[in-house]
N, C-alpha and C. Protein backbone atom coordinates (compact mmCIF):
# COMPACT_ATOMS: atom_id res chain seq x y z
N MET A 1 0.85 -1.17 0.00
CA MET A 1 0.00 0.00 0.00
C MET A 1 0.90 1.24 0.00
N ALA A 2 1.16 1.78 -1.13
CA ALA A 2 2.09 2.91 -1.26
C ALA A 2 1.36 4.23 -1.01
N ASN A 3 1.90 5.01 -0.08
CA ASN A 3 1.38 6.34 0.17
C ASN A 3 2.10 7.31 -0.75
N ILE A 4 1.34 8.03 -1.53
CA ILE A 4 1.92 8.98 -2.47
C ILE A 4 1.72 10.38 -1.90
N ILE A 5 2.82 11.07 -1.70
CA ILE A 5 2.80 12.42 -1.15
C ILE A 5 2.88 13.41 -2.30
N SER A 6 1.98 14.39 -2.29
CA SER A 6 1.95 15.37 -3.39
C SER A 6 3.02 16.44 -3.18
N ASP A 7 3.34 17.13 -4.28
CA ASP A 7 4.29 18.23 -4.22
C ASP A 7 3.76 19.35 -3.31
N GLU A 8 2.43 19.56 -3.34
CA GLU A 8 1.82 20.59 -2.51
C GLU A 8 2.00 20.28 -1.02
N THR A 9 1.89 19.00 -0.67
CA THR A 9 2.07 18.60 0.72
C THR A 9 3.51 18.88 1.16
N ILE A 10 4.46 18.55 0.32
CA ILE A 10 5.87 18.80 0.65
C ILE A 10 6.12 20.29 0.78
N GLU A 11 5.56 21.09 -0.11
CA GLU A 11 5.69 22.55 -0.04
C GLU A 11 5.14 23.07 1.28
N TYR A 12 3.93 22.57 1.64
CA TYR A 12 3.26 23.01 2.85
C TYR A 12 4.06 22.64 4.10
N VAL A 13 4.56 21.42 4.14
CA VAL A 13 5.37 20.98 5.28
C VAL A 13 6.65 21.81 5.34
N GLY A 14 7.23 22.11 4.19
CA GLY A 14 8.43 22.95 4.15
C GLY A 14 8.15 24.34 4.70
N ILE A 15 6.99 24.90 4.37
CA ILE A 15 6.61 26.22 4.89
C ILE A 15 6.42 26.15 6.40
N LEU A 16 5.70 25.11 6.86
CA LEU A 16 5.47 24.98 8.31
C LEU A 16 6.77 24.82 9.07
N ALA A 17 7.70 24.06 8.50
CA ALA A 17 8.99 23.81 9.16
C ALA A 17 10.01 24.91 8.88
N LYS A 18 9.61 25.89 8.06
CA LYS A 18 10.49 27.00 7.67
C LYS A 18 11.78 26.47 7.05
N LEU A 19 11.59 25.54 6.10
CA LEU A 19 12.72 24.95 5.39
C LEU A 19 12.69 25.37 3.93
N GLU A 20 13.85 25.62 3.39
CA GLU A 20 13.97 25.85 1.96
C GLU A 20 14.62 24.59 1.38
N LEU A 21 13.83 23.83 0.65
CA LEU A 21 14.31 22.56 0.12
C LEU A 21 14.59 22.68 -1.37
N SER A 22 15.68 22.07 -1.80
CA SER A 22 15.98 22.00 -3.22
C SER A 22 15.06 20.95 -3.84
N LYS A 23 15.05 20.88 -5.17
CA LYS A 23 14.19 19.91 -5.85
C LYS A 23 14.56 18.48 -5.43
N GLU A 24 15.86 18.20 -5.30
CA GLU A 24 16.30 16.86 -4.89
C GLU A 24 15.87 16.55 -3.46
N GLU A 25 15.99 17.56 -2.59
CA GLU A 25 15.58 17.37 -1.20
C GLU A 25 14.07 17.14 -1.09
N LYS A 26 13.31 17.82 -1.93
CA LYS A 26 11.85 17.63 -1.93
C LYS A 26 11.50 16.22 -2.37
N GLU A 27 12.20 15.72 -3.38
CA GLU A 27 11.95 14.35 -3.85
C GLU A 27 12.30 13.33 -2.76
N GLN A 28 13.43 13.57 -2.08
CA GLN A 28 13.84 12.66 -1.00
C GLN A 28 12.83 12.73 0.15
N ALA A 29 12.35 13.94 0.45
CA ALA A 29 11.36 14.11 1.52
C ALA A 29 10.07 13.37 1.17
N LYS A 30 9.67 13.41 -0.09
CA LYS A 30 8.47 12.69 -0.52
C LYS A 30 8.64 11.19 -0.29
N LYS A 31 9.81 10.68 -0.65
CA LYS A 31 10.07 9.24 -0.45
C LYS A 31 10.07 8.90 1.04
N ASP A 32 10.74 9.74 1.84
CA ASP A 32 10.83 9.49 3.28
C ASP A 32 9.45 9.54 3.94
N MET A 33 8.65 10.52 3.57
CA MET A 33 7.31 10.62 4.14
C MET A 33 6.45 9.43 3.73
N GLY A 34 6.58 9.03 2.49
CA GLY A 34 5.84 7.87 2.02
C GLY A 34 6.24 6.62 2.79
N SER A 35 7.53 6.46 3.04
CA SER A 35 8.01 5.31 3.81
C SER A 35 7.47 5.33 5.23
N MET A 36 7.45 6.52 5.84
CA MET A 36 6.92 6.63 7.20
C MET A 36 5.44 6.27 7.24
N LEU A 37 4.68 6.76 6.29
CA LEU A 37 3.25 6.46 6.26
C LEU A 37 3.00 4.98 5.97
N ASP A 38 3.82 4.39 5.12
CA ASP A 38 3.71 2.94 4.87
C ASP A 38 3.97 2.16 6.15
N TYR A 39 4.97 2.59 6.92
CA TYR A 39 5.29 1.91 8.17
C TYR A 39 4.14 2.05 9.17
N ILE A 40 3.55 3.23 9.23
CA ILE A 40 2.40 3.44 10.12
C ILE A 40 1.25 2.53 9.70
N ASP A 41 1.02 2.41 8.39
CA ASP A 41 -0.03 1.50 7.91
C ASP A 41 0.28 0.07 8.34
N LYS A 42 1.55 -0.32 8.26
CA LYS A 42 1.95 -1.66 8.67
C LYS A 42 1.68 -1.87 10.17
N LEU A 43 1.99 -0.86 10.98
CA LEU A 43 1.73 -0.96 12.42
C LEU A 43 0.24 -1.06 12.71
N ASN A 44 -0.58 -0.39 11.90
CA ASN A 44 -2.03 -0.45 12.09
C ASN A 44 -2.59 -1.84 11.85
N GLU A 45 -1.84 -2.71 11.18
CA GLU A 45 -2.29 -4.07 10.92
C GLU A 45 -2.15 -4.97 12.17
N LEU A 46 -1.36 -4.53 13.14
CA LEU A 46 -1.13 -5.33 14.34
C LEU A 46 -2.39 -5.43 15.19
N ASP A 47 -2.58 -6.60 15.81
CA ASP A 47 -3.70 -6.81 16.71
C ASP A 47 -3.30 -6.29 18.09
N THR A 48 -3.90 -5.19 18.49
CA THR A 48 -3.59 -4.59 19.80
C THR A 48 -4.81 -4.64 20.73
N SER A 49 -5.72 -5.56 20.46
CA SER A 49 -6.96 -5.61 21.24
C SER A 49 -6.70 -5.93 22.72
N GLY A 50 -5.66 -6.69 23.05
CA GLY A 50 -5.39 -7.04 24.44
C GLY A 50 -4.35 -6.15 25.10
N VAL A 51 -3.95 -5.08 24.43
CA VAL A 51 -2.90 -4.21 24.96
C VAL A 51 -3.55 -2.97 25.58
N GLU A 52 -3.21 -2.74 26.85
CA GLU A 52 -3.77 -1.57 27.54
C GLU A 52 -3.07 -0.30 27.06
N PRO A 53 -3.84 0.75 26.74
CA PRO A 53 -3.21 2.01 26.32
C PRO A 53 -2.35 2.59 27.44
N MET A 54 -1.23 3.20 27.08
CA MET A 54 -0.38 3.82 28.08
C MET A 54 0.23 5.09 27.53
N SER A 55 0.64 5.96 28.43
CA SER A 55 1.24 7.22 28.01
C SER A 55 2.76 7.17 28.06
N HIS A 56 3.31 6.13 28.70
CA HIS A 56 4.76 6.03 28.85
C HIS A 56 5.12 4.55 28.95
N VAL A 57 6.29 4.19 28.46
CA VAL A 57 6.67 2.78 28.48
C VAL A 57 7.07 2.30 29.87
N PHE A 58 7.47 3.22 30.75
CA PHE A 58 7.83 2.88 32.12
C PHE A 58 6.73 3.34 33.05
N PRO A 59 6.57 2.68 34.20
CA PRO A 59 5.56 3.16 35.15
C PRO A 59 5.91 4.57 35.62
N VAL A 60 4.94 5.46 35.59
CA VAL A 60 5.18 6.84 35.99
C VAL A 60 4.61 7.05 37.38
N ASN A 61 5.48 7.38 38.31
CA ASN A 61 5.07 7.65 39.68
C ASN A 61 5.46 9.07 40.04
N ASN A 62 4.73 9.66 40.95
CA ASN A 62 5.06 10.99 41.42
C ASN A 62 6.35 10.91 42.24
N VAL A 63 7.40 11.57 41.77
CA VAL A 63 8.69 11.50 42.45
C VAL A 63 8.92 12.70 43.36
N PHE A 64 7.93 13.58 43.43
CA PHE A 64 8.08 14.77 44.26
C PHE A 64 7.63 14.47 45.68
N ARG A 65 8.27 15.12 46.62
CA ARG A 65 7.90 14.93 48.03
C ARG A 65 6.61 15.69 48.32
N GLU A 66 5.96 15.32 49.39
CA GLU A 66 4.78 16.04 49.83
C GLU A 66 5.18 17.44 50.29
N ASP A 67 4.33 18.41 50.08
CA ASP A 67 4.60 19.78 50.50
C ASP A 67 4.15 19.94 51.94
N VAL A 68 5.09 19.65 52.86
CA VAL A 68 4.78 19.69 54.29
C VAL A 68 5.68 20.73 54.95
N VAL A 69 5.08 21.60 55.75
CA VAL A 69 5.85 22.60 56.48
C VAL A 69 6.56 21.90 57.62
N VAL A 70 7.90 22.07 57.69
CA VAL A 70 8.66 21.40 58.74
C VAL A 70 9.25 22.39 59.74
N ASN A 71 9.39 23.66 59.36
CA ASN A 71 10.01 24.61 60.28
C ASN A 71 8.98 25.53 60.94
N GLY A 72 7.74 25.44 60.60
CA GLY A 72 6.70 26.22 61.25
C GLY A 72 6.78 27.70 60.92
N ASP A 73 6.04 28.48 61.67
CA ASP A 73 5.96 29.93 61.46
C ASP A 73 7.01 30.62 62.33
N GLU A 74 8.09 31.02 61.74
CA GLU A 74 9.19 31.65 62.49
C GLU A 74 9.45 33.06 62.00
N HIS A 75 8.38 33.80 61.68
CA HIS A 75 8.56 35.14 61.14
C HIS A 75 9.23 36.08 62.13
N GLU A 76 9.00 35.90 63.43
CA GLU A 76 9.66 36.75 64.43
C GLU A 76 11.18 36.53 64.39
N LYS A 77 11.58 35.28 64.28
CA LYS A 77 13.01 34.95 64.18
C LYS A 77 13.61 35.53 62.90
N THR A 78 12.84 35.45 61.83
CA THR A 78 13.30 35.95 60.53
C THR A 78 13.50 37.46 60.58
N LEU A 79 12.59 38.17 61.24
CA LEU A 79 12.67 39.63 61.29
C LEU A 79 13.58 40.14 62.41
N ALA A 80 14.11 39.27 63.24
CA ALA A 80 14.90 39.68 64.41
C ALA A 80 16.10 40.56 64.04
N ASN A 81 16.78 40.29 62.96
CA ASN A 81 17.97 41.05 62.58
C ASN A 81 17.71 42.04 61.45
N ALA A 82 16.45 42.29 61.12
CA ALA A 82 16.13 43.22 60.04
C ALA A 82 16.50 44.64 60.46
N PRO A 83 17.14 45.43 59.58
CA PRO A 83 17.49 46.80 59.94
C PRO A 83 16.24 47.67 60.15
N ALA A 84 15.16 47.37 59.41
CA ALA A 84 13.92 48.12 59.59
C ALA A 84 12.75 47.19 59.33
N LYS A 85 11.68 47.36 60.16
CA LYS A 85 10.49 46.50 60.02
C LYS A 85 9.26 47.39 59.94
N LYS A 86 8.23 46.88 59.30
CA LYS A 86 6.94 47.56 59.27
C LYS A 86 5.86 46.51 59.14
N ALA A 87 5.01 46.38 60.10
CA ALA A 87 3.86 45.47 60.09
C ALA A 87 4.26 44.04 59.71
N GLN A 88 5.14 43.45 60.47
CA GLN A 88 5.56 42.06 60.30
C GLN A 88 6.25 41.81 58.95
N SER A 89 6.85 42.84 58.37
CA SER A 89 7.54 42.72 57.08
C SER A 89 8.85 43.49 57.12
N PHE A 90 9.73 43.20 56.18
CA PHE A 90 10.96 43.97 56.03
C PHE A 90 10.60 45.32 55.42
N LYS A 91 11.19 46.39 55.93
CA LYS A 91 11.00 47.71 55.34
C LYS A 91 12.24 48.01 54.52
N VAL A 92 12.04 48.30 53.23
CA VAL A 92 13.16 48.55 52.32
C VAL A 92 12.99 49.92 51.69
N PRO A 93 14.09 50.48 51.19
CA PRO A 93 13.98 51.80 50.55
C PRO A 93 13.11 51.72 49.30
N ARG A 94 12.42 52.80 49.02
CA ARG A 94 11.57 52.87 47.84
C ARG A 94 12.44 52.81 46.60
N THR A 95 12.07 51.98 45.62
CA THR A 95 12.86 51.85 44.39
C THR A 95 12.15 52.41 43.17
N VAL A 96 10.85 52.66 43.27
CA VAL A 96 10.08 53.19 42.15
C VAL A 96 9.53 54.54 42.54
N GLU A 97 9.72 55.53 41.70
CA GLU A 97 9.21 56.88 41.97
C GLU A 97 7.79 57.03 41.48
């Protein structure tokens, strides 16, 4: 089952990919695309009725730790050495006029 790729399709793909292809490169791209589509057709012939769909070949587990506060609320300690404070915050010089 040969997939035939038109010149217009190659032109369009070239525009989308922002490629400037020579005539020889366009012909090679047509052959390559046809081969890829033939291979996809071949894969579609496989019986996958007993295969569970998956998004990744390896089991995907959450590798991130839980977001748990371990040091508690120590804002007083944090502000203890501040040169200037205002309402439980650091007071800094104005930077925008």
